[in-house]
N, C-alpha and C. Protein backbone atom coordinates (compact mmCIF):
# COMPACT_ATOMS: atom_id res chain seq x y z
N MET A 1 -20.05 34.89 -93.98
CA MET A 1 -21.28 34.16 -94.20
C MET A 1 -22.40 34.84 -93.41
N VAL A 2 -23.53 35.00 -94.05
CA VAL A 2 -24.71 35.59 -93.42
C VAL A 2 -25.77 34.50 -93.32
N PHE A 3 -26.30 34.32 -92.11
CA PHE A 3 -27.33 33.31 -91.85
C PHE A 3 -28.68 33.99 -91.72
N ILE A 4 -29.62 33.61 -92.58
CA ILE A 4 -30.95 34.22 -92.61
C ILE A 4 -31.98 33.14 -92.31
N GLN A 5 -32.83 33.42 -91.33
CA GLN A 5 -33.94 32.52 -91.02
C GLN A 5 -35.24 33.31 -91.17
N VAL A 6 -36.15 32.78 -91.95
CA VAL A 6 -37.45 33.41 -92.15
C VAL A 6 -38.48 32.59 -91.38
N CYS A 7 -39.25 33.25 -90.53
CA CYS A 7 -40.29 32.56 -89.78
C CYS A 7 -41.36 32.05 -90.75
N VAL A 8 -41.67 30.77 -90.61
CA VAL A 8 -42.75 30.18 -91.41
C VAL A 8 -43.84 29.63 -90.50
N GLY A 9 -43.86 30.12 -89.25
CA GLY A 9 -44.92 29.75 -88.31
C GLY A 9 -46.26 30.26 -88.83
N SER A 10 -47.33 29.83 -88.20
CA SER A 10 -48.65 30.14 -88.74
C SER A 10 -48.95 31.62 -88.88
N ALA A 11 -48.58 32.45 -87.90
CA ALA A 11 -48.87 33.88 -88.01
C ALA A 11 -48.11 34.51 -89.17
N CYS A 12 -46.82 34.21 -89.28
CA CYS A 12 -46.03 34.77 -90.38
C CYS A 12 -46.43 34.17 -91.72
N HIS A 13 -46.82 32.91 -91.70
CA HIS A 13 -47.30 32.28 -92.94
C HIS A 13 -48.50 33.06 -93.48
N LEU A 14 -49.42 33.41 -92.59
CA LEU A 14 -50.60 34.17 -93.01
C LEU A 14 -50.24 35.58 -93.49
N LYS A 15 -49.09 36.10 -93.04
CA LYS A 15 -48.65 37.45 -93.43
C LYS A 15 -47.73 37.43 -94.64
N GLY A 16 -47.52 36.26 -95.24
CA GLY A 16 -46.77 36.19 -96.48
C GLY A 16 -45.34 35.71 -96.38
N SER A 17 -45.03 34.85 -95.42
CA SER A 17 -43.65 34.39 -95.28
C SER A 17 -43.15 33.67 -96.52
N GLN A 18 -44.01 32.93 -97.22
CA GLN A 18 -43.55 32.24 -98.42
C GLN A 18 -43.10 33.24 -99.48
N GLU A 19 -43.79 34.34 -99.58
CA GLU A 19 -43.39 35.38 -100.54
C GLU A 19 -42.05 36.00 -100.14
N ILE A 20 -41.83 36.20 -98.85
CA ILE A 20 -40.55 36.74 -98.37
C ILE A 20 -39.43 35.75 -98.65
N VAL A 21 -39.68 34.46 -98.44
CA VAL A 21 -38.69 33.42 -98.76
C VAL A 21 -38.32 33.50 -100.24
N THR A 22 -39.32 33.60 -101.09
CA THR A 22 -39.08 33.69 -102.53
C THR A 22 -38.28 34.93 -102.88
N LEU A 23 -38.59 36.07 -102.25
CA LEU A 23 -37.83 37.30 -102.50
C LEU A 23 -36.37 37.12 -102.08
N PHE A 24 -36.14 36.48 -100.94
CA PHE A 24 -34.76 36.20 -100.51
C PHE A 24 -34.06 35.29 -101.51
N GLN A 25 -34.72 34.23 -101.94
CA GLN A 25 -34.12 33.30 -102.90
C GLN A 25 -33.74 34.02 -104.19
N ASN A 26 -34.64 34.86 -104.69
CA ASN A 26 -34.38 35.60 -105.92
C ASN A 26 -33.24 36.59 -105.76
N ALA A 27 -33.21 37.29 -104.62
CA ALA A 27 -32.15 38.28 -104.38
C ALA A 27 -30.79 37.61 -104.23
N VAL A 28 -30.74 36.49 -103.53
CA VAL A 28 -29.47 35.76 -103.38
C VAL A 28 -28.96 35.33 -104.75
N GLU A 29 -29.85 34.85 -105.59
CA GLU A 29 -29.48 34.44 -106.94
C GLU A 29 -29.05 35.64 -107.79
N GLU A 30 -29.82 36.72 -107.72
CA GLU A 30 -29.53 37.92 -108.51
C GLU A 30 -28.14 38.48 -108.21
N TYR A 31 -27.76 38.49 -106.94
CA TYR A 31 -26.47 39.05 -106.53
C TYR A 31 -25.38 37.97 -106.41
N HIS A 32 -25.68 36.75 -106.83
CA HIS A 32 -24.71 35.65 -106.83
C HIS A 32 -24.11 35.45 -105.43
N LEU A 33 -24.97 35.35 -104.45
CA LEU A 33 -24.55 35.23 -103.05
C LEU A 33 -24.71 33.80 -102.52
N GLU A 34 -24.85 32.85 -103.40
CA GLU A 34 -25.10 31.48 -102.98
C GLU A 34 -24.04 30.95 -102.02
N ASP A 35 -22.80 31.40 -102.16
CA ASP A 35 -21.72 30.94 -101.29
C ASP A 35 -21.55 31.81 -100.05
N GLU A 36 -22.37 32.84 -99.91
CA GLU A 36 -22.21 33.78 -98.80
C GLU A 36 -23.43 33.89 -97.90
N VAL A 37 -24.54 33.29 -98.32
CA VAL A 37 -25.79 33.38 -97.56
C VAL A 37 -26.34 31.97 -97.34
N VAL A 38 -26.76 31.72 -96.11
CA VAL A 38 -27.47 30.49 -95.78
C VAL A 38 -28.90 30.91 -95.43
N LEU A 39 -29.85 30.44 -96.23
CA LEU A 39 -31.26 30.80 -96.06
C LEU A 39 -32.02 29.58 -95.56
N SER A 40 -32.77 29.77 -94.49
CA SER A 40 -33.55 28.66 -93.96
C SER A 40 -34.85 29.17 -93.35
N GLY A 41 -35.75 28.25 -93.09
CA GLY A 41 -37.00 28.58 -92.44
C GLY A 41 -36.89 28.31 -90.94
N SER A 42 -37.79 28.91 -90.21
CA SER A 42 -37.81 28.75 -88.75
C SER A 42 -39.25 28.78 -88.29
N PHE A 43 -39.54 28.01 -87.25
CA PHE A 43 -40.86 28.13 -86.64
C PHE A 43 -40.89 29.39 -85.80
N CYS A 44 -41.99 29.69 -85.19
CA CYS A 44 -42.21 30.95 -84.49
C CYS A 44 -41.03 31.35 -83.60
N MET A 45 -40.62 32.61 -83.75
CA MET A 45 -39.53 33.16 -82.96
C MET A 45 -40.06 33.95 -81.76
N GLY A 46 -41.40 34.01 -81.64
CA GLY A 46 -42.01 34.68 -80.51
C GLY A 46 -41.97 36.20 -80.59
N LYS A 47 -41.78 36.73 -81.79
CA LYS A 47 -41.70 38.19 -81.97
C LYS A 47 -42.72 38.67 -82.98
N CYS A 48 -43.89 38.07 -82.98
CA CYS A 48 -44.92 38.40 -83.96
C CYS A 48 -45.29 39.89 -83.88
N SER A 49 -45.55 40.46 -85.05
CA SER A 49 -45.97 41.86 -85.10
C SER A 49 -47.30 41.94 -85.86
N GLN A 50 -47.87 43.11 -85.87
CA GLN A 50 -49.15 43.30 -86.54
C GLN A 50 -49.04 43.14 -88.05
N THR A 51 -47.91 43.54 -88.60
CA THR A 51 -47.72 43.44 -90.05
C THR A 51 -46.39 42.77 -90.34
N GLY A 52 -46.31 42.14 -91.46
CA GLY A 52 -45.04 41.60 -91.93
C GLY A 52 -44.60 40.32 -91.23
N VAL A 53 -43.43 39.89 -91.65
CA VAL A 53 -42.86 38.61 -91.28
C VAL A 53 -41.63 38.84 -90.40
N THR A 54 -41.38 37.91 -89.48
CA THR A 54 -40.19 37.98 -88.64
C THR A 54 -39.04 37.27 -89.34
N VAL A 55 -37.88 37.95 -89.38
CA VAL A 55 -36.69 37.43 -90.03
C VAL A 55 -35.51 37.60 -89.07
N GLN A 56 -34.72 36.55 -88.94
CA GLN A 56 -33.50 36.65 -88.15
C GLN A 56 -32.31 36.61 -89.08
N ILE A 57 -31.44 37.60 -88.96
CA ILE A 57 -30.21 37.65 -89.74
C ILE A 57 -29.07 37.59 -88.74
N ASP A 58 -28.30 36.53 -88.83
CA ASP A 58 -27.29 36.21 -87.84
C ASP A 58 -27.96 36.19 -86.47
N GLU A 59 -27.58 37.04 -85.55
CA GLU A 59 -28.18 37.01 -84.22
C GLU A 59 -29.28 38.06 -84.02
N GLN A 60 -29.54 38.87 -85.04
CA GLN A 60 -30.49 39.98 -84.90
C GLN A 60 -31.86 39.62 -85.49
N ILE A 61 -32.90 39.82 -84.68
CA ILE A 61 -34.27 39.53 -85.12
C ILE A 61 -34.93 40.83 -85.60
N HIS A 62 -35.57 40.75 -86.77
CA HIS A 62 -36.27 41.89 -87.36
C HIS A 62 -37.74 41.50 -87.51
N VAL A 63 -38.62 42.37 -87.08
CA VAL A 63 -40.05 42.09 -87.20
C VAL A 63 -40.67 43.01 -88.25
N GLY A 64 -41.76 42.55 -88.83
CA GLY A 64 -42.52 43.38 -89.75
C GLY A 64 -41.93 43.52 -91.14
N VAL A 65 -41.17 42.53 -91.61
CA VAL A 65 -40.60 42.59 -92.96
C VAL A 65 -41.72 42.34 -93.96
N THR A 66 -41.87 43.27 -94.91
CA THR A 66 -42.92 43.16 -95.93
C THR A 66 -42.30 43.15 -97.32
N LYS A 67 -43.08 42.70 -98.29
CA LYS A 67 -42.58 42.68 -99.66
C LYS A 67 -42.33 44.09 -100.18
N GLU A 68 -43.10 45.05 -99.69
CA GLU A 68 -42.94 46.44 -100.13
C GLU A 68 -41.61 47.03 -99.66
N GLU A 69 -41.13 46.60 -98.52
CA GLU A 69 -39.89 47.13 -97.95
C GLU A 69 -38.70 46.20 -98.15
N PHE A 70 -38.93 45.09 -98.86
CA PHE A 70 -37.91 44.05 -98.95
C PHE A 70 -36.59 44.53 -99.55
N LYS A 71 -36.64 45.26 -100.66
CA LYS A 71 -35.40 45.68 -101.32
C LYS A 71 -34.51 46.49 -100.39
N ASN A 72 -35.09 47.45 -99.68
CA ASN A 72 -34.30 48.24 -98.73
C ASN A 72 -33.80 47.37 -97.58
N PHE A 73 -34.64 46.48 -97.10
CA PHE A 73 -34.24 45.58 -96.02
C PHE A 73 -33.06 44.72 -96.46
N PHE A 74 -33.15 44.13 -97.63
CA PHE A 74 -32.08 43.26 -98.14
C PHE A 74 -30.78 44.04 -98.31
N LYS A 75 -30.88 45.24 -98.84
CA LYS A 75 -29.67 46.05 -99.02
C LYS A 75 -29.03 46.36 -97.68
N THR A 76 -29.81 46.81 -96.72
CA THR A 76 -29.28 47.24 -95.43
C THR A 76 -28.73 46.08 -94.61
N TYR A 77 -29.46 44.98 -94.54
CA TYR A 77 -29.10 43.92 -93.61
C TYR A 77 -28.37 42.73 -94.23
N VAL A 78 -28.28 42.70 -95.57
CA VAL A 78 -27.54 41.63 -96.22
C VAL A 78 -26.42 42.20 -97.08
N LEU A 79 -26.76 42.95 -98.12
CA LEU A 79 -25.73 43.45 -99.03
C LEU A 79 -24.71 44.32 -98.32
N ASP A 80 -25.18 45.27 -97.51
CA ASP A 80 -24.25 46.18 -96.83
C ASP A 80 -23.36 45.42 -95.84
N VAL A 81 -23.91 44.41 -95.18
CA VAL A 81 -23.12 43.61 -94.23
C VAL A 81 -22.05 42.82 -94.97
N ILE A 82 -22.42 42.20 -96.06
CA ILE A 82 -21.46 41.42 -96.83
C ILE A 82 -20.37 42.33 -97.39
N GLU A 83 -20.77 43.47 -97.90
CA GLU A 83 -19.77 44.41 -98.44
C GLU A 83 -18.85 44.92 -97.33
N LYS A 84 -19.41 45.20 -96.17
CA LYS A 84 -18.60 45.66 -95.03
C LYS A 84 -17.58 44.61 -94.61
N GLU A 85 -18.00 43.34 -94.67
CA GLU A 85 -17.09 42.25 -94.33
C GLU A 85 -16.01 42.07 -95.40
N GLY A 86 -16.21 42.72 -96.56
CA GLY A 86 -15.21 42.65 -97.61
C GLY A 86 -15.21 41.36 -98.39
N SER A 87 -16.25 40.57 -98.22
CA SER A 87 -16.25 39.29 -98.90
C SER A 87 -16.90 39.32 -100.27
N HIS A 88 -17.49 40.44 -100.63
CA HIS A 88 -18.15 40.54 -101.93
C HIS A 88 -18.25 42.01 -102.33
N ARG A 89 -18.01 42.31 -103.54
CA ARG A 89 -18.11 43.69 -104.04
C ARG A 89 -19.23 43.81 -105.06
N PHE A 90 -19.98 44.88 -104.97
CA PHE A 90 -21.11 45.10 -105.89
C PHE A 90 -20.84 46.26 -106.79
């Protein structure tokens, strides 16, 4: 199971957190990961950056997630992790 928290605090909200949430929702659905990913919102994680949104995946915090880099981010930090755990094959 992969736990994803997207910051929806005011700074990240202004940088497009709702769009990042939607991208996560669509990707989870596209790859049929509903039973393997828990997606939730979070208030400020205190790691604001100049660009992008802060996202926590399991215990690791990532700053500066943007819609332009989302596909690579999702592959690296979600799909590859799930595949490595052997719980899902793509």
